[in-house]
Every structure is written in C-alpha cells, then in structure tokens.
C-alpha cells in the first residue's frame, strides 16, 4: 500500500533518506477510503485491530470489518444530520468503537476532535463554544456523562449526545443501536479535499486556554515516516502504542501510519497502568513493536524483565519527553533492545528520530526527518554551530511538510506568533553534535538562566536518574536575587529510600550530580514528593511545579 505514496521504500543510510524520500500526495486523499477500504478490497481478511482489555476480553477486527463498521458509523452520522465540516468530539478512551467512529467521520468529511475523559464541565463548555461542536460521542460512564450533561445548557451548538454504552442515559443516543440500524452507506459525492480540516486537537496549554491545532486530510500521509521509518513497521508487525485516544500520540501510533504500512494495531484498554500487567500482555500476545513515553519505561526497568518472554519484541520506540540515558542503558541490558527516540509535536508528525540504519546515542533525539527543512536558530538569528544551542525551526519556503498543522483554529494572531515568514518556530531548544545527532535541552520557558549559565532541565534530570534512589524527577528554575534563578529538583524516591528522605539524602544527591555533570548544574533545592504532575499523555507538567510555592 505504501508504495503508492512514496518514491522509494528502502534506504541505506541517512543521506540516501534525505536525498530520495518523497511523499506523493494524490488529489482528494481520504484515509478511510484510500487506505482502510483499499486494504479491505485487496486483503479483506488481513488483521487490522487487535483489542484487549484489563478484564480479559479479546476481540480482533479485519480490514473488511473496519470498512463495514465505519460505513455503518458514517451512515448513522448522516441519519442524525452530521455532515461535512461538522465538529464531533470523541471521548472514547481506548474503546474499540473509537476506530469505527473516527473512520466514519472521515468518510463524511466531518471534523474529528479527540479528547480525554478527564474533561470537566468547564473544559467541555470551553471546547464546545470555541469550536462550535455539534456532537459528542462518549463512553457511557457516569462521571463523563454527568460533565457533558452539566455543560449542555451552556453549549448552544451541541445538538447530539451519543454514547457507546454500557449505560445509555436519558437524552443520549445509543451509538451501537444507531450503527446496527443504519441504512447501507452511500459515499458522498465530494466527502473531502486535501485542504479541508480533518482533525482538531485542543493542546494542553502551559498558560491560558488550550490551543486548537488543526490538520488537513493529507495529514495521515505524513505519518509514513512515523510508522515506516521511525517505528520500522511492515505488514507482519503487531504494534502497540501506549496512549489514550484523546492524545495526539494516538494518531502517531494507533491509526494512520500503521495501517498505511499494513501493520496490525494492538490496543490494550486498561484503566490503571500496572507495569507487570503490561509486560504480561506483551508476552502473551507477542507484540513485535512497542512505543511509549519515558515515564512508562522508567517503571518497566524496575520490574524483573527477564521473567517475561519478550522474544517477539523486535523494536521499541520512545517519545513524549526526552529519554534519560540511564533508562536506555537499563532497558538494553535487560532486553537487548535499543530504545529508538523520536521527537515531534501535536502540530507535526515525527520531525527528528532515530531511524533503522542509525546507531542510537542514548539521550539523543536522532536526526531530522527528510520531510522537514529543519534548522537550529540562535537568539540573534544565526544557524547554530555544532555544540551550540538553538531553537528548532522548520522552513516551509522550499518544502511544505506533509503533516505540518494548518494553524491554530480561529486564532490567526496566535498562528502568526509561531509561524511567519515561511518559518514555523517550535519553541523547543536543542543542540547538534559533530555527527549530526540532535539533543534536546528544553522548552524556551523551561531553560534555566543561573549566574550567566543556560541550564536545560533534561541534562540535570538525566544526571539525577543515575542515582539509585530516584524513580522520577523534574527540574525547574526558582527565582534567586543573586543568581537570577537556581536549579530545583522535584523527586519521586524509590520505595527503599523513602524513609531516608532528609538532609543527608539531599546532600548525597547533590554531590552525585556534581560528579556526573558540570558542578554548576547541581540542584540547590531538592523536594521529595509522592508523584509528579503529568498531562494525560504522561508528560511532566513543569509549569505546575513552577506555579506551586517553592
């Protein structure tokens, strides 16, 4: 399938990749028709989705199943008046009906808005009124239903509340019944154009309201690099990305690129993350490819990995936050697998990654994707030299990346603040070594300026993570009259060290950091906590730590 959309499939090295990779975007590309339905036509019995939950249920769907289910969903949506350009929010966790619904929305040209089940009434009101949401499809759980019902009176555009069950509350439409009773689906004459909005994501803002990131109908093709070359998938792969469907990471690892490559998507639908349970599932179902944020791997390496038969696992990828080298080393020692880090944003597909022909350097994001014309820019506007920090930017005057966002919905000023003069400014700081590998430093707002030094949180966190007492940590800057800022470490201790929390352990950790990295980077303030604040995607919320009283 993928050969229809790229000039060359196999590459011998990064130079070959950079010189010869190209995505061919056809007119009026629609993922649901051009990928899912085409697989159903050519390989109807090929496994597309394998769904397992933490209650022991297991269901598999072929591509023919996905075509039939998405047709039924599309017909149902049409029957209640949802059509091209209408916005529909999906609060479906990891339930398999998410895939029926989002494909059905693609088939009628509607705009899908994936969202987390943790939204409150206030969050739902803001989203409905900011985007004129017409319908919400939700899990039939009491708390989610309650928040949507409470929001309804303040959401004039919200016309339909649709539930997948198990409970169908008063005023809600039964999605399963609607699909079962749907008329045969007739494809609209012009369901979508490449420049139509296909997806809208409300990103977690560090300040103010969430931004509304929009992607067009060509966006899935940008994930050919994500799945084919970073995740290294093929038609025999069984791929598990650990992500809630409300997070953009689900688009990276649970839908588009995987099916373009012909891989089977594995979904582990669980309510609470338990490392041992995840490892058991990976063993039992013989997962071949696994992707998760660093937080997950930090917990996995504290399990006895040798207890599990992970012989089917051939490739592991990591994204969401930078990877601490100590985690890389521990996982490699236990499994023989090298974690292949990748980098990107909700606004992009994968932009920097470790590709199959590369030897990963622990802690490095890898090298740039050939789909993006990338540069590092210093504060005075120069291209950064090797070893010099700069902001990651993407130029679009020569290459318009397939997968780059269209902008922030209904906010041209915000769009212009990061995307102007044919340059998209990511706000992320990195540096490049002499071999061309890129190393993450931090967000612009996260970089600490202390006594004239610029200190990236990640480099201090990586030093801290080599101490056996530390399970997780976050580095932030604290205002200081003399130094401008000083480094603060917020630390989650391993169980064996929790009773030792106190001045002696603080001193021990500080001395450890001084030995592992440059002494000026050591944390002058250390706080021990039970857990770190995180987003739904598992990213540490340093902004929340900064806002709390230091």
Protein backbone atom coordinates (compact mmCIF):
# COMPACT_ATOMS: atom_id res chain seq x y z
CA UNK A 1 0.00 0.00 0.00
CA UNK A 2 2.71 2.47 1.00
CA UNK A 3 4.49 2.18 -2.36
CA UNK A 4 1.63 4.14 -3.94
CA UNK A 5 2.57 7.20 -1.92
CA UNK A 6 6.38 7.38 -1.81
CA UNK A 7 9.08 7.39 -4.48
CA UNK A 8 11.40 4.90 -2.77
CA UNK A 9 10.82 2.41 0.05
CA UNK A 10 14.24 1.19 1.19
CA UNK A 11 17.15 3.43 2.17
CA UNK A 12 20.72 2.50 3.02
CA UNK A 13 21.60 5.47 5.23
CA UNK A 14 20.56 8.95 6.33
CA UNK A 15 22.00 10.64 3.24
CA UNK A 16 20.03 8.35 0.94
CA UNK A 17 16.90 9.00 3.04
CA UNK A 18 17.38 12.77 2.91
CA UNK A 19 18.06 12.83 -0.82
CA UNK A 20 15.41 10.45 -2.11
CA UNK A 21 12.45 10.25 0.26
CA UNK A 22 9.35 11.98 -1.08
CA UNK A 23 5.65 11.67 -0.31
CA UNK A 24 3.32 11.78 -3.31
CA UNK A 25 0.01 13.29 -2.22
CA UNK A 26 -2.88 12.49 -4.58
CA UNK A 27 -5.81 14.84 -5.05
CA UNK A 28 -8.63 14.47 -2.55
CA UNK A 29 -6.85 11.89 -0.39
CA UNK A 30 -9.12 10.40 2.27
CA UNK A 31 -7.54 7.90 4.66
CA UNK A 32 -10.75 5.98 5.32
CA UNK A 33 -11.39 5.29 1.62
CA UNK A 34 -7.86 5.23 0.20
CA UNK A 35 -6.21 3.15 2.90
CA UNK A 36 -8.75 1.24 5.01
CA UNK A 37 -11.23 0.45 2.25
CA UNK A 38 -8.42 -0.38 -0.18
CA UNK A 39 -6.96 -2.89 2.27
CA UNK A 40 -10.48 -4.32 2.66
CA UNK A 41 -10.69 -4.71 -1.10
CA UNK A 42 -7.25 -6.29 -1.64
CA UNK A 43 -6.78 -8.16 1.68
CA UNK A 44 -10.22 -8.38 3.34
CA UNK A 45 -9.15 -10.93 5.96
CA UNK A 46 -5.94 -9.21 6.99
CA UNK A 47 -5.95 -8.34 10.70
CA UNK A 48 -6.27 -4.62 11.29
CA UNK A 49 -7.02 -4.24 15.01
CA UNK A 50 -6.44 -6.50 17.99
CA UNK A 51 -8.19 -5.17 21.12
CA UNK A 52 -7.64 -6.50 24.62
CA UNK A 53 -8.83 -5.03 27.91
CA UNK A 54 -7.81 -5.50 31.53
CA UNK A 55 -10.86 -7.69 32.15
CA UNK A 56 -9.61 -10.41 29.82
CA UNK A 57 -11.79 -9.59 26.81
CA UNK A 58 -10.17 -10.00 23.40
CA UNK A 59 -11.62 -9.02 20.02
CA UNK A 60 -9.98 -8.87 16.59
CA UNK A 61 -11.08 -6.96 13.50
CA UNK A 62 -10.02 -7.42 9.89
CA UNK A 63 -9.79 -4.60 7.39
CA UNK A 64 -13.09 -5.79 5.94
CA UNK A 65 -14.60 -5.47 9.42
CA UNK A 66 -13.24 -1.94 9.70
CA UNK A 67 -14.75 -0.99 6.36
CA UNK A 68 -18.17 -2.37 7.29
CA UNK A 69 -18.15 -0.84 10.78
CA UNK A 70 -17.01 2.58 9.55
CA UNK A 71 -19.61 2.51 6.78
CA UNK A 72 -22.30 1.83 9.39
CA UNK A 73 -20.96 4.63 11.61
CA UNK A 74 -20.90 7.06 8.68
CA UNK A 75 -24.47 6.17 7.71
CA UNK A 76 -25.62 6.60 11.30
CA UNK A 77 -23.97 10.05 11.50
CA UNK A 78 -25.69 11.09 8.29
CA UNK A 79 -29.06 9.91 9.62
CA UNK A 80 -28.90 12.35 12.54
CA UNK A 81 -27.72 15.26 10.41
CA UNK A 82 -23.94 15.19 10.84
CA UNK A 83 -22.12 16.00 7.64
CA UNK A 84 -19.12 17.62 6.01
CA UNK A 85 -17.40 20.22 8.17
CA UNK A 86 -19.37 19.41 11.34
CA UNK A 87 -17.27 19.09 14.50
CA UNK A 88 -17.64 15.97 16.60
CA UNK A 89 -15.78 15.40 19.87
CA UNK A 90 -14.72 11.84 20.71
CA UNK A 91 -14.34 10.97 24.41
CA UNK A 92 -13.82 7.25 23.94
CA UNK A 93 -10.71 6.31 25.94
CA UNK A 94 -9.28 3.12 24.36
CA UNK A 95 -12.60 1.54 23.42
CA UNK A 96 -12.54 -0.12 20.00
CA UNK A 97 -15.57 1.84 18.83
CA UNK A 98 -13.27 4.88 18.64
CA UNK A 99 -11.89 3.46 15.38
CA UNK A 100 -15.38 2.91 13.92
CA UNK A 101 -16.37 6.46 14.82
CA UNK A 102 -13.31 8.36 13.60
CA UNK A 103 -13.22 6.49 10.29
CA UNK A 104 -16.95 7.13 9.86
CA UNK A 105 -16.36 10.84 10.43
CA UNK A 106 -13.56 10.84 7.84
CA UNK A 107 -15.89 9.20 5.32
CA UNK A 108 -18.43 12.02 5.52
CA UNK A 109 -15.87 14.83 5.71
CA UNK A 110 -16.63 15.79 9.31
CA UNK A 111 -14.03 17.17 11.72
CA UNK A 112 -12.97 14.79 14.49
CA UNK A 113 -11.92 16.24 17.87
CA UNK A 114 -10.33 13.53 20.06
CA UNK A 115 -10.49 14.39 23.76
CA UNK A 116 -9.64 12.96 27.15
CA UNK A 117 -12.23 11.55 29.55
CA UNK A 118 -10.76 13.78 32.28
CA UNK A 119 -12.51 16.90 30.94
CA UNK A 120 -14.68 18.73 33.45
CA UNK A 121 -17.86 20.67 32.75
CA UNK A 122 -15.80 23.87 32.36
CA UNK A 123 -13.46 22.18 29.87
CA UNK A 124 -16.36 20.87 27.79
CA UNK A 125 -18.12 24.25 27.71
CA UNK A 126 -14.91 25.94 26.55
CA UNK A 127 -14.32 23.38 23.80
CA UNK A 128 -17.90 23.34 22.55
CA UNK A 129 -18.11 27.11 22.27
CA UNK A 130 -14.60 27.61 20.88
CA UNK A 131 -15.09 25.12 18.07
CA UNK A 132 -18.90 25.08 17.65
CA UNK A 133 -19.03 21.37 18.42
CA UNK A 134 -22.18 19.74 17.10
CA UNK A 135 -21.96 16.30 18.69
CA UNK A 136 -20.12 14.43 21.44
CA UNK A 137 -19.55 10.68 21.27
CA UNK A 138 -18.65 9.36 24.69
CA UNK A 139 -18.06 6.32 26.84
CA UNK A 140 -21.16 5.64 28.89
CA UNK A 141 -19.51 6.25 32.23
CA UNK A 142 -21.41 8.20 34.90
CA UNK A 143 -18.81 10.91 35.52
CA UNK A 144 -18.21 11.65 31.84
CA UNK A 145 -21.95 11.68 31.15
CA UNK A 146 -22.52 13.98 34.14
CA UNK A 147 -19.96 16.54 32.94
CA UNK A 148 -21.40 16.59 29.41
CA UNK A 149 -24.96 16.93 30.72
CA UNK A 150 -23.95 19.78 33.04
CA UNK A 151 -22.25 21.56 30.15
CA UNK A 152 -25.18 21.17 27.74
CA UNK A 153 -27.18 24.31 28.78
CA UNK A 154 -24.12 26.48 28.08
CA UNK A 155 -23.33 24.88 24.72
CA UNK A 156 -25.82 26.15 22.12
CA UNK A 157 -24.20 24.35 19.18
CA UNK A 158 -24.20 20.92 20.87
CA UNK A 159 -27.12 19.05 19.28
CA UNK A 160 -26.27 15.40 19.83
CA UNK A 161 -25.01 13.40 22.82
CA UNK A 162 -24.05 9.92 21.65
CA UNK A 163 -22.98 7.09 23.96
CA UNK A 164 -21.26 3.81 23.18
CA UNK A 165 -22.55 2.41 26.48
CA UNK A 166 -22.70 0.34 28.52
CA UNK A 167 -25.17 2.80 30.03
CA UNK A 168 -27.36 5.00 27.83
CA UNK A 169 -28.64 7.93 29.86
CA UNK A 170 -31.76 9.95 29.17
CA UNK A 171 -31.27 12.33 26.26
CA UNK A 172 -28.38 10.29 24.84
CA UNK A 173 -28.40 8.34 21.55
CA UNK A 174 -27.16 4.74 21.53
CA UNK A 175 -24.19 4.55 19.12
CA UNK A 176 -24.31 0.75 18.91
CA UNK A 177 -28.02 0.72 18.11
CA UNK A 178 -27.55 3.52 15.59
CA UNK A 179 -24.88 1.51 13.77
CA UNK A 180 -26.95 -1.68 13.88
CA UNK A 181 -29.99 0.03 12.34
CA UNK A 182 -28.07 2.16 9.84
CA UNK A 183 -29.06 2.11 6.17
CA UNK A 184 -26.49 0.98 3.59
CA UNK A 185 -23.88 3.72 3.34
CA UNK A 186 -23.64 5.80 0.18
CA UNK A 187 -20.39 7.67 -0.26
CA UNK A 188 -20.94 11.43 -0.57
CA UNK A 189 -20.10 12.91 -3.96
CA UNK A 190 -17.23 15.01 -2.58
CA UNK A 191 -16.51 13.93 1.01
CA UNK A 192 -13.26 15.85 1.43
CA UNK A 193 -10.49 17.84 -0.20
CA UNK A 194 -6.86 17.77 0.89
CA UNK A 195 -7.08 21.26 2.38
CA UNK A 196 -10.24 20.56 4.41
CA UNK A 197 -9.91 20.26 8.19
CA UNK A 198 -9.88 16.60 9.26
CA UNK A 199 -8.66 16.76 12.88
CA UNK A 200 -8.75 19.36 15.64
CA UNK A 201 -6.75 18.87 18.83
CA UNK A 202 -7.04 21.00 21.94
CA UNK A 203 -3.48 21.01 23.24
CA UNK A 204 -2.60 21.32 26.91
CA UNK A 205 -1.60 24.95 27.24
CA UNK A 206 1.12 25.90 29.73
CA UNK A 207 -0.61 29.26 30.18
CA UNK A 208 -4.10 30.38 29.29
CA UNK A 209 -6.57 28.28 27.33
CA UNK A 210 -5.60 25.25 25.22
CA UNK A 211 -4.65 25.92 21.61
CA UNK A 212 -6.74 24.42 18.81
CA UNK A 213 -4.38 22.63 16.41
CA UNK A 214 -5.91 21.72 13.06
CA UNK A 215 -4.72 19.17 10.49
CA UNK A 216 -5.96 18.59 6.96
CA UNK A 217 -6.96 15.41 5.12
CA UNK A 218 -3.43 14.86 3.76
CA UNK A 219 -2.06 14.68 7.33
CA UNK A 220 -2.14 10.85 7.62
CA UNK A 221 0.39 10.53 4.78
CA UNK A 222 2.89 12.47 6.89
CA UNK A 223 2.91 9.51 9.27
CA UNK A 224 4.55 7.26 6.67
CA UNK A 225 7.86 8.34 8.20
CA UNK A 226 6.48 7.95 11.73
CA UNK A 227 5.46 4.34 11.21
CA UNK A 228 7.57 3.09 8.32
CA UNK A 229 10.94 4.50 9.30
CA UNK A 230 10.89 5.51 12.98
CA UNK A 231 8.68 2.64 14.22
CA UNK A 232 10.08 0.41 11.45
CA UNK A 233 6.75 -1.33 10.79
CA UNK A 234 5.75 -3.68 7.99
CA UNK A 235 2.77 -5.88 7.06
CA UNK A 236 3.75 -8.51 9.65
CA UNK A 237 4.05 -6.09 12.59
CA UNK A 238 1.82 -6.14 15.66
CA UNK A 239 2.30 -2.66 17.06
CA UNK A 240 1.35 -1.33 20.49
CA UNK A 241 1.50 2.38 21.25
CA UNK A 242 0.54 3.10 24.82
CA UNK A 243 -1.66 6.19 24.53
CA UNK A 244 -5.18 7.33 25.23
CA UNK A 245 -7.14 8.15 22.07
CA UNK A 246 -7.66 11.68 23.38
CA UNK A 247 -3.96 12.39 22.90
CA UNK A 248 -2.38 13.23 19.55
CA UNK A 249 0.05 10.38 20.15
CA UNK A 250 -2.80 8.04 19.23
CA UNK A 251 -2.72 9.50 15.70
CA UNK A 252 1.01 8.77 15.66
CA UNK A 253 0.79 5.19 16.85
CA UNK A 254 -2.74 3.80 16.80
CA UNK A 255 -4.22 4.68 13.41
CA UNK A 256 -2.77 6.34 10.35
CA UNK A 257 0.80 5.31 9.61
CA UNK A 258 0.35 1.81 10.99
CA UNK A 259 -2.44 0.97 8.57
CA UNK A 260 -0.69 2.64 5.65
CA UNK A 261 2.17 0.20 6.33
CA UNK A 262 -0.29 -2.69 6.67
CA UNK A 263 0.57 -3.40 10.31
CA UNK A 264 -1.94 -4.67 12.85
CA UNK A 265 -2.68 -2.19 15.64
CA UNK A 266 -2.76 -3.68 19.13
CA UNK A 267 -4.86 -1.87 21.73
CA UNK A 268 -4.50 -2.54 25.45
CA UNK A 269 -7.57 -0.99 27.04
CA UNK A 270 -6.74 -0.56 30.72
CA UNK A 271 -7.94 1.75 33.45
CA UNK A 272 -4.81 1.74 35.61
CA UNK A 273 -1.24 1.38 34.42
CA UNK A 274 0.45 -1.58 36.08
CA UNK A 275 3.89 -2.44 34.65
CA UNK A 276 3.62 -6.17 35.37
CA UNK A 277 0.23 -6.42 33.65
CA UNK A 278 1.52 -4.59 30.59
CA UNK A 279 4.53 -6.92 30.33
CA UNK A 280 2.27 -9.95 30.65
CA UNK A 281 0.09 -8.70 27.80
CA UNK A 282 3.15 -8.01 25.63
CA UNK A 283 4.36 -11.55 26.30
CA UNK A 284 1.01 -13.29 25.79
CA UNK A 285 0.11 -11.56 22.54
CA UNK A 286 3.66 -11.49 21.17
CA UNK A 287 3.88 -7.78 20.49
CA UNK A 288 6.55 -7.06 17.87
CA UNK A 289 6.78 -3.25 18.19
CA UNK A 290 6.16 -1.08 21.23
CA UNK A 291 6.07 2.69 21.72
CA UNK A 292 5.54 4.57 24.98
CA UNK A 293 6.64 7.74 26.78
CA UNK A 294 9.75 7.69 29.02
CA UNK A 295 7.58 7.52 32.13
CA UNK A 296 6.45 4.02 31.16
CA UNK A 297 9.97 2.76 30.52
CA UNK A 298 11.16 4.21 33.84
CA UNK A 299 8.68 1.89 35.55
CA UNK A 300 9.30 -1.10 33.27
CA UNK A 301 13.01 -1.23 34.08
CA UNK A 302 12.17 -1.58 37.77
CA UNK A 303 10.40 -4.85 37.00
CA UNK A 304 12.25 -8.13 36.54
CA UNK A 305 12.09 -8.02 32.75
CA UNK A 306 13.83 -11.38 32.42
CA UNK A 307 10.72 -13.03 33.93
CA UNK A 308 8.82 -12.32 30.71
CA UNK A 309 9.25 -13.89 27.29
CA UNK A 310 9.54 -10.84 25.07
CA UNK A 311 11.27 -12.69 22.23
CA UNK A 312 8.69 -11.47 19.69
CA UNK A 313 9.54 -7.86 20.51
CA UNK A 314 11.89 -6.58 17.81
CA UNK A 315 11.65 -2.81 18.05
CA UNK A 316 10.92 -0.24 20.75
CA UNK A 317 10.35 3.48 20.32
CA UNK A 318 10.08 6.31 22.80
CA UNK A 319 8.52 9.76 22.53
CA UNK A 320 6.71 12.41 24.53
CA UNK A 321 9.71 13.60 26.51
CA UNK A 322 13.48 13.17 26.22
CA UNK A 323 14.91 9.80 27.18
CA UNK A 324 17.32 9.63 30.11
CA UNK A 325 20.43 7.65 29.06
CA UNK A 326 20.27 5.60 32.27
CA UNK A 327 16.83 4.29 31.22
CA UNK A 328 18.16 3.44 27.76
CA UNK A 329 21.07 1.50 29.25
CA UNK A 330 18.94 -0.39 31.78
CA UNK A 331 16.36 -1.45 29.19
CA UNK A 332 19.08 -2.52 26.74
CA UNK A 333 20.84 -4.57 29.39
CA UNK A 334 17.60 -6.37 30.30
CA UNK A 335 16.20 -6.93 26.79
CA UNK A 336 18.95 -6.38 24.22
CA UNK A 337 16.71 -3.77 22.56
CA UNK A 338 17.80 -0.21 21.91
CA UNK A 339 15.13 2.41 22.50
CA UNK A 340 14.68 4.49 19.35
CA UNK A 341 13.77 8.01 20.38
CA UNK A 342 11.63 10.29 18.23
CA UNK A 343 10.58 13.92 18.52
CA UNK A 344 7.62 15.95 17.31
CA UNK A 345 4.65 17.99 18.42
CA UNK A 346 0.87 17.93 18.14
CA UNK A 347 1.48 20.43 15.32
CA UNK A 348 3.66 17.97 13.36
CA UNK A 349 4.39 14.35 12.58
CA UNK A 350 7.75 12.92 13.67
CA UNK A 351 10.40 15.54 12.86
CA UNK A 352 13.59 14.14 14.40
CA UNK A 353 14.16 10.46 15.11
CA UNK A 354 16.49 7.50 15.29
CA UNK A 355 15.92 5.57 12.09
CA UNK A 356 16.69 1.85 11.50
CA UNK A 357 20.05 2.42 9.79
CA UNK A 358 21.28 4.62 12.65
CA UNK A 359 23.07 3.62 15.84
CA UNK A 360 21.15 5.48 18.55
CA UNK A 361 23.08 7.57 21.03
CA UNK A 362 21.41 7.29 24.45
CA UNK A 363 19.64 10.58 25.16
CA UNK A 364 19.73 11.88 21.59
CA UNK A 365 16.55 12.55 19.59
CA UNK A 366 18.32 11.35 16.46
CA UNK A 367 18.48 13.09 13.08
CA UNK A 368 15.96 15.21 11.12
CA UNK A 369 13.18 13.69 9.05
CA UNK A 370 13.65 14.41 5.32
CA UNK A 371 10.04 15.63 5.21
CA UNK A 372 11.07 18.77 7.15
CA UNK A 373 13.58 21.50 6.28
CA UNK A 374 14.95 21.90 9.80
CA UNK A 375 17.40 24.34 11.34
CA UNK A 376 18.59 25.47 14.77
CA UNK A 377 18.43 29.23 15.25
CA UNK A 378 20.31 31.16 17.94
CA UNK A 379 18.70 34.14 19.72
CA UNK A 380 20.49 36.52 17.33
CA UNK A 381 19.04 34.75 14.28
CA UNK A 382 22.05 32.68 13.17
CA UNK A 383 22.08 29.00 12.30
CA UNK A 384 23.65 27.36 15.33
CA UNK A 385 27.07 25.75 15.04
CA UNK A 386 27.73 22.20 16.25
CA UNK A 387 27.57 22.20 20.04
CA UNK A 388 25.66 25.49 20.18
CA UNK A 389 22.11 25.68 21.47
CA UNK A 390 19.33 26.98 19.24
CA UNK A 391 15.58 26.84 18.69
CA UNK A 392 14.28 24.09 16.42
CA UNK A 393 12.57 25.68 13.43
CA UNK A 394 11.14 24.39 10.16
CA UNK A 395 11.35 26.38 6.94
CA UNK A 396 8.47 25.92 4.52
CA UNK A 397 9.55 28.05 1.54
CA UNK A 398 11.28 25.09 -0.16
CA UNK A 399 9.48 22.16 1.47
CA UNK A 400 5.89 22.21 2.70
CA UNK A 401 5.88 19.20 5.02
CA UNK A 402 3.00 16.75 4.68
CA UNK A 403 1.70 16.61 8.23
CA UNK A 404 2.51 20.13 9.41
CA UNK A 405 -0.51 21.75 11.03
CA UNK A 406 -2.72 24.24 9.19
CA UNK A 407 -2.55 26.70 12.08
CA UNK A 408 -4.47 27.36 15.27
CA UNK A 409 -8.20 27.32 14.60
CA UNK A 410 -9.87 30.75 14.70
CA UNK A 411 -6.71 32.35 16.09
CA UNK A 412 -4.64 33.94 13.29
CA UNK A 413 -2.67 36.05 15.75
CA UNK A 414 -1.54 33.02 17.73
CA UNK A 415 -0.66 31.26 14.47
CA UNK A 416 1.42 34.23 13.31
CA UNK A 417 3.26 34.32 16.62
CA UNK A 418 4.89 30.95 15.83
CA UNK A 419 4.55 30.62 12.05
CA UNK A 420 5.65 33.60 9.96
CA UNK A 421 7.94 34.39 7.01
CA UNK A 422 7.65 30.73 5.94
CA UNK A 423 9.17 29.55 9.23
CA UNK A 424 7.49 27.52 11.97
CA UNK A 425 9.05 28.16 15.39
CA UNK A 426 8.66 25.14 17.69
CA UNK A 427 9.78 26.85 20.91
CA UNK A 428 12.00 23.83 21.65
CA UNK A 429 15.72 24.25 22.31
CA UNK A 430 18.31 21.69 21.20
CA UNK A 431 21.91 21.33 20.07
CA UNK A 432 23.62 19.22 17.38
CA UNK A 433 26.78 17.19 17.85
CA UNK A 434 29.56 16.74 15.29
CA UNK A 435 27.93 13.55 13.96
CA UNK A 436 24.66 15.31 13.17
CA UNK A 437 22.67 13.94 16.14
CA UNK A 438 20.33 16.34 17.93
CA UNK A 439 20.00 16.64 21.71
CA UNK A 440 17.00 18.16 23.46
CA UNK A 441 17.61 20.93 26.01
CA UNK A 442 14.10 22.07 26.93
CA UNK A 443 11.24 24.36 26.06
CA UNK A 444 12.11 28.03 25.79
CA UNK A 445 10.20 28.62 29.01
CA UNK A 446 11.90 25.71 30.80
CA UNK A 447 15.54 26.67 30.22
CA UNK A 448 17.06 27.96 33.47
CA UNK A 449 19.33 31.01 33.44
CA UNK A 450 21.56 30.89 36.52
CA UNK A 451 24.64 33.09 37.12
CA UNK A 452 25.06 33.59 33.38
CA UNK A 453 24.69 29.88 32.53
CA UNK A 454 21.85 28.40 30.47
CA UNK A 455 20.85 25.09 32.02
CA UNK A 456 18.48 22.67 30.28
CA UNK A 457 16.22 20.65 32.63
CA UNK A 458 16.83 17.42 30.74
CA UNK A 459 20.59 17.31 31.30
CA UNK A 460 20.17 17.69 35.07
CA UNK A 461 17.31 15.17 35.14
CA UNK A 462 19.48 12.67 33.28
CA UNK A 463 22.24 13.10 35.86
CA UNK A 464 19.75 12.64 38.70
CA UNK A 465 18.29 9.48 37.16
CA UNK A 466 21.63 7.70 37.52
CA UNK A 467 21.20 7.75 41.31
CA UNK A 468 19.52 4.55 42.58
CA UNK A 469 17.21 6.45 44.93
CA UNK A 470 15.38 8.25 42.14
CA UNK A 471 12.41 6.87 40.20
CA UNK A 472 11.33 10.14 38.55
CA UNK A 473 12.34 13.78 38.76
CA UNK A 474 11.63 17.20 37.30
CA UNK A 475 13.95 20.19 37.16
CA UNK A 476 12.63 23.75 37.32
CA UNK A 477 14.09 27.18 37.95
CA UNK A 478 13.39 29.11 41.15
CA UNK A 479 13.88 32.91 41.29
CA UNK A 480 17.00 33.97 43.17
CA UNK A 481 18.14 37.54 43.92
CA UNK A 482 21.82 36.79 43.38
CA UNK A 483 21.88 34.17 40.62
CA UNK A 484 18.67 35.11 38.79
CA UNK A 485 17.48 31.53 39.09
CA UNK A 486 18.64 28.42 40.90
CA UNK A 487 18.00 24.81 40.00
CA UNK A 488 15.28 22.95 41.90
CA UNK A 489 14.75 19.18 41.72
CA UNK A 490 11.37 17.66 42.48
CA UNK A 491 11.99 13.97 43.10
CA UNK A 492 9.99 10.76 43.47
CA UNK A 493 12.01 8.28 45.52
CA UNK A 494 12.25 4.53 45.11
CA UNK A 495 10.38 2.69 47.93
CA UNK A 496 13.61 1.58 49.61
CA UNK A 497 14.73 5.18 50.02
CA UNK A 498 11.52 6.87 51.13
CA UNK A 499 12.30 6.53 54.83
CA UNK A 500 15.71 8.11 54.20
CA UNK A 501 14.25 11.33 52.78
CA UNK A 502 16.03 14.16 54.60
CA UNK A 503 19.09 16.43 54.64
CA UNK A 504 21.62 13.60 54.32
CA UNK A 505 19.99 12.19 51.21
CA UNK A 506 19.67 15.70 49.75
CA UNK A 507 23.42 16.22 50.21
CA UNK A 508 24.20 12.80 48.74
CA UNK A 509 22.10 13.53 45.63
CA UNK A 510 23.65 16.96 45.18
CA UNK A 511 27.18 15.56 45.36
CA UNK A 512 26.20 12.82 42.92
CA UNK A 513 25.02 15.37 40.34
CA UNK A 514 28.24 17.37 40.72
CA UNK A 515 30.22 14.26 39.80
CA UNK A 516 28.02 13.20 36.88
CA UNK A 517 27.66 16.57 35.16
CA UNK A 518 29.07 20.10 35.39
CA UNK A 519 29.01 21.15 39.09
CA UNK A 520 27.19 24.44 38.40
CA UNK A 521 24.14 22.46 37.29
CA UNK A 522 23.50 20.74 40.60
CA UNK A 523 20.09 21.34 42.25
CA UNK A 524 20.42 23.77 45.15
CA UNK A 525 16.85 22.97 46.18
CA UNK A 526 15.50 19.41 46.43
CA UNK A 527 11.93 18.47 47.23
CA UNK A 528 10.69 14.91 47.69
CA UNK A 529 7.14 14.17 46.51
CA UNK A 530 4.96 11.09 46.10
CA UNK A 531 4.25 11.77 42.42
CA UNK A 532 4.88 14.33 39.72
CA UNK A 533 2.06 16.23 37.99
CA UNK A 534 1.57 14.93 34.46
CA UNK A 535 -0.59 15.50 31.41
CA UNK A 536 -2.88 12.74 30.12
CA UNK A 537 -0.05 11.83 27.72
CA UNK A 538 2.42 11.26 30.54
CA UNK A 539 4.45 14.44 30.13
CA UNK A 540 5.70 16.08 33.31
CA UNK A 541 3.96 19.41 33.91
CA UNK A 542 6.91 21.58 34.96
CA UNK A 543 4.70 24.63 34.66
CA UNK A 544 2.53 23.31 37.50
CA UNK A 545 5.60 22.71 39.65
CA UNK A 546 6.83 26.25 38.94
CA UNK A 547 3.45 27.72 39.85
CA UNK A 548 3.39 25.97 43.19
CA UNK A 549 5.05 27.68 46.16
CA UNK A 550 8.75 26.95 46.16
